[in-house]
Structures are given as structure tokens and as C-alpha cells.
C-alpha atoms as a PDB file:
ATOM      1  CA  GLN A   1      -0.009  -0.033  -0.058  1.00  0.00           C
ATOM      2  CA  VAL A   2       1.597   3.355  -1.023  1.00  0.00           C
ATOM      3  CA  GLN A   3       0.917   6.279   1.446  1.00  0.00           C
ATOM      4  CA  LEU A   4       0.969   9.836   0.518  1.00  0.00           C
ATOM      5  CA  VAL A   5       0.887  13.043   3.055  1.00  0.00           C
ATOM      6  CA  GLU A   6       0.093  16.508   2.133  1.00  0.00           C
ATOM      7  CA  SER A   7       1.372  19.405   4.168  1.00  0.00           C
ATOM      8  CA  GLY A   8       1.586  23.088   3.590  1.00  0.00           C
ATOM      9  CA  GLY A   9      -1.635  24.389   3.230  1.00  0.00           C
ATOM     10  CA  GLY A  10      -3.120  27.198   5.329  1.00  0.00           C
ATOM     11  CA  SER A  11      -4.755  30.728   4.831  1.00  0.00           C
ATOM     12  CA  VAL A  12      -3.191  33.256   3.045  1.00  0.00           C
ATOM     13  CA  GLN A  13      -4.269  36.644   1.760  1.00  0.00           C
ATOM     14  CA  PRO A  14      -4.503  37.186  -2.006  1.00  0.00           C
ATOM     15  CA  GLY A  15      -1.290  37.869  -3.854  1.00  0.00           C
ATOM     16  CA  GLY A  16       0.560  35.647  -0.985  1.00  0.00           C
ATOM     17  CA  SER A  17       2.348  32.309  -1.640  1.00  0.00           C
ATOM     18  CA  LEU A  18       2.191  29.128  -0.263  1.00  0.00           C
ATOM     19  CA  ARG A  19       4.374  25.708  -0.789  1.00  0.00           C
ATOM     20  CA  LEU A  20       2.873  22.124  -0.814  1.00  0.00           C
ATOM     21  CA  SER A  21       4.712  19.176  -0.048  1.00  0.00           C
ATOM     22  CA  CYS A  22       3.715  15.477  -0.454  1.00  0.00           C
ATOM     23  CA  VAL A  23       5.876  12.818   0.505  1.00  0.00           C
ATOM     24  CA  THR A  24       5.197   9.133  -0.351  1.00  0.00           C
ATOM     25  CA  SER A  25       6.214   5.680   0.803  1.00  0.00           C
ATOM     26  CA  ALA A  26       6.130   4.246  -2.687  1.00  0.00           C
ATOM     27  CA  SER A  27       9.546   2.445  -3.430  1.00  0.00           C
ATOM     28  CA  ALA A  28      11.108   3.446  -6.867  1.00  0.00           C
ATOM     29  CA  PHE A  29       9.483   6.848  -6.488  1.00  0.00           C
ATOM     30  CA  SER A  30      11.688   8.377  -8.934  1.00  0.00           C
ATOM     31  CA  PHE A  31       9.955   6.254 -11.824  1.00  0.00           C
ATOM     32  CA  PHE A  32       6.468   7.803 -11.165  1.00  0.00           C
ATOM     33  CA  VAL A  33       4.205  10.565 -12.421  1.00  0.00           C
ATOM     34  CA  VAL A  34       2.817  12.381  -9.785  1.00  0.00           C
ATOM     35  CA  ASP A  35       0.104  15.098 -10.031  1.00  0.00           C
ATOM     36  CA  TRP A  36      -1.348  17.720  -8.054  1.00  0.00           C
ATOM     37  CA  LEU A  37      -5.425  18.072  -8.268  1.00  0.00           C
ATOM     38  CA  ARG A  38      -7.817  20.398  -5.956  1.00  0.00           C
ATOM     39  CA  GLN A  39     -11.324  20.292  -5.157  1.00  0.00           C
ATOM     40  CA  ALA A  40     -12.869  23.713  -4.375  1.00  0.00           C
ATOM     41  CA  PRO A  41     -16.483  23.522  -2.777  1.00  0.00           C
ATOM     42  CA  GLY A  42     -19.067  22.410  -4.996  1.00  0.00           C
ATOM     43  CA  LYS A  43     -17.026  21.749  -7.683  1.00  0.00           C
ATOM     44  CA  GLN A  44     -15.330  18.645  -9.386  1.00  0.00           C
ATOM     45  CA  ARG A  45     -12.047  17.785  -8.311  1.00  0.00           C
ATOM     46  CA  GLU A  46      -9.631  19.394 -11.126  1.00  0.00           C
ATOM     47  CA  PHE A  47      -5.946  18.631 -12.320  1.00  0.00           C
ATOM     48  CA  VAL A  48      -3.260  21.640 -11.534  1.00  0.00           C
ATOM     49  CA  ALA A  49       0.330  19.960 -12.253  1.00  0.00           C
ATOM     50  CA  SER A  50       2.125  17.039 -13.058  1.00  0.00           C
ATOM     51  CA  ILE A  51       5.785  16.095 -12.926  1.00  0.00           C
ATOM     52  CA  THR A  52       7.176  12.808 -14.836  1.00  0.00           C
ATOM     53  CA  SER A  53      10.204  10.895 -13.581  1.00  0.00           C
ATOM     54  CA  ALA A  54      12.229  12.715 -16.122  1.00  0.00           C
ATOM     55  CA  GLY A  55      11.207  16.098 -14.749  1.00  0.00           C
ATOM     56  CA  ASN A  56       8.892  17.177 -17.222  1.00  0.00           C
ATOM     57  CA  THR A  57       5.840  19.111 -16.022  1.00  0.00           C
ATOM     58  CA  ASN A  58       2.618  20.170 -17.313  1.00  0.00           C
ATOM     59  CA  TYR A  59      -0.167  22.822 -15.857  1.00  0.00           C
ATOM     60  CA  ALA A  60      -3.581  23.647 -15.716  1.00  0.00           C
ATOM     61  CA  ASP A  61      -4.012  27.066 -17.630  1.00  0.00           C
ATOM     62  CA  SER A  62      -5.294  28.432 -14.621  1.00  0.00           C
ATOM     63  CA  VAL A  63      -2.243  28.198 -12.567  1.00  0.00           C
ATOM     64  CA  LYS A  64       0.356  28.561 -15.607  1.00  0.00           C
ATOM     65  CA  GLY A  65       3.059  31.000 -14.616  1.00  0.00           C
ATOM     66  CA  ARG A  66       1.934  31.251 -11.183  1.00  0.00           C
ATOM     67  CA  PHE A  67       2.620  27.597  -9.836  1.00  0.00           C
ATOM     68  CA  THR A  68       5.727  25.275 -10.256  1.00  0.00           C
ATOM     69  CA  ILE A  69       5.645  21.550  -9.539  1.00  0.00           C
ATOM     70  CA  SER A  70       8.827  19.941  -8.321  1.00  0.00           C
ATOM     71  CA  ARG A  71      10.521  16.749  -7.027  1.00  0.00           C
ATOM     72  CA  ASP A  72      13.184  15.580  -4.737  1.00  0.00           C
ATOM     73  CA  ASN A  73      13.655  11.958  -5.371  1.00  0.00           C
ATOM     74  CA  ALA A  74      16.175  11.655  -2.522  1.00  0.00           C
ATOM     75  CA  LYS A  75      13.512  12.658  -0.398  1.00  0.00           C
ATOM     76  CA  ASN A  76      10.381  10.850  -2.082  1.00  0.00           C
ATOM     77  CA  THR A  77       8.648  14.409  -2.108  1.00  0.00           C
ATOM     78  CA  VAL A  78       6.864  16.354  -4.629  1.00  0.00           C
ATOM     79  CA  TYR A  79       6.507  19.974  -4.036  1.00  0.00           C
ATOM     80  CA  LEU A  80       3.861  22.872  -5.523  1.00  0.00           C
ATOM     81  CA  GLN A  81       5.202  26.401  -4.813  1.00  0.00           C
ATOM     82  CA  MET A  82       2.058  28.397  -5.419  1.00  0.00           C
ATOM     83  CA  ASN A  83       2.480  32.523  -5.862  1.00  0.00           C
ATOM     84  CA  SER A  84       0.015  34.980  -6.870  1.00  0.00           C
ATOM     85  CA  LEU A  85      -2.784  33.090  -4.990  1.00  0.00           C
ATOM     86  CA  ASN A  86      -6.237  34.617  -5.728  1.00  0.00           C
ATOM     87  CA  PRO A  87      -9.378  33.255  -4.082  1.00  0.00           C
ATOM     88  CA  GLU A  88     -10.635  31.225  -7.135  1.00  0.00           C
ATOM     89  CA  ASP A  89      -7.103  29.068  -5.861  1.00  0.00           C
ATOM     90  CA  THR A  90      -9.308  28.119  -2.674  1.00  0.00           C
ATOM     91  CA  ALA A  91      -9.749  24.513  -2.492  1.00  0.00           C
ATOM     92  CA  VAL A  92      -8.573  21.127  -0.986  1.00  0.00           C
ATOM     93  CA  TYR A  93      -5.342  20.181  -2.558  1.00  0.00           C
ATOM     94  CA  TYR A  94      -4.578  16.454  -3.181  1.00  0.00           C
ATOM     95  CA  CYS A  95      -1.408  14.975  -4.499  1.00  0.00           C
ATOM     96  CA  ARG A  96      -1.687  11.758  -6.592  1.00  0.00           C
ATOM     97  CA  ILE A  97       1.056   9.234  -7.984  1.00  0.00           C
ATOM     98  CA  ASN A  98       0.375   6.682 -10.576  1.00  0.00           C
ATOM     99  CA  VAL A  99       2.158   3.402  -9.581  1.00  0.00           C
ATOM    100  CA  ARG A 100       2.218   1.017 -12.575  1.00  0.00           C
ATOM    101  CA  GLY A 101      -1.267   2.010 -13.522  1.00  0.00           C
ATOM    102  CA  VAL A 102      -2.800   2.262  -9.904  1.00  0.00           C
ATOM    103  CA  PHE A 103      -3.554   5.409  -8.471  1.00  0.00           C
ATOM    104  CA  TYR A 104      -2.766   6.469  -4.551  1.00  0.00           C
ATOM    105  CA  TRP A 105      -3.871   9.513  -3.193  1.00  0.00           C
ATOM    106  CA  GLY A 106      -3.184  11.504  -0.414  1.00  0.00           C
ATOM    107  CA  GLN A 107      -5.614  13.080   2.222  1.00  0.00           C
ATOM    108  CA  GLY A 108      -5.621  16.340   0.994  1.00  0.00           C
ATOM    109  CA  THR A 109      -4.318  19.837   2.592  1.00  0.00           C
ATOM    110  CA  GLN A 110      -6.537  22.764   2.726  1.00  0.00           C
ATOM    111  CA  VAL A 111      -5.830  26.080   1.009  1.00  0.00           C
ATOM    112  CA  THR A 112      -7.893  29.379   1.760  1.00  0.00           C
ATOM    113  CA  VAL A 113      -7.210  32.516  -0.110  1.00  0.00           C
ATOM    114  CA  SER A 114      -9.273  35.538   1.095  1.00  0.00           C
ATOM    115  CA  SER A 115      -8.758  38.836   2.427  1.00  0.00           C
END
């Protein structure tokens, strides 16, 4: 069973920044794609960003230029640096790892952007 634990969420004012972390127990972590997704109240869960084993990244249009996904394979950790946050970024943020076609999820971390 692969476990993922997110951290780093919190409350921030518009224009502020947060860095989310996702630590996983997956062995051979460096081989797997990791995603960040989010779910706002009353909305469906949506893709935010992904990073491949080679370090290639992909972003939703809504966060492009503001968010940066990265990984530290030595620490089995993926990060999501979020800058220029706005109220529309308020959501529970989840990390997800694809291990040989099976998806594992973290429990989520709340991000609230308000003045």
C-alpha cells in the first residue's frame, strides 16, 4: 500500500504564496508520475500540475506562470510552489501518484485565499 501525505496548506491573503509538500512511501518513487489536483467547494476535482520521472511538467492553464511543481527523489517528495494566489485557488489540494497504472491519493490539504 502506497501512502502519500500532503502538508503546507493554510490561509493566505490574495497575492500571497504557499508551498505544498507531498511525501510518499512508494518505493522506486523516481520512476512515477506525480500529480497535484484540487477540489473547490461545490466543484469537481480538477488537475493542477504533474511531473514525470524525467522532470517534465504540465500545468492547468489557470495556474500556469504562478505555480511550479518540482520533485526531490532523494526525499520521495513532490512540491507545489504557489505564488500570486487568488480566491479562486481556494480548495483542498491532493497529490496523486501513478504506480504501474494504480492511482494512490493523499488525504488533502486545505488552501484558503481570502482577505
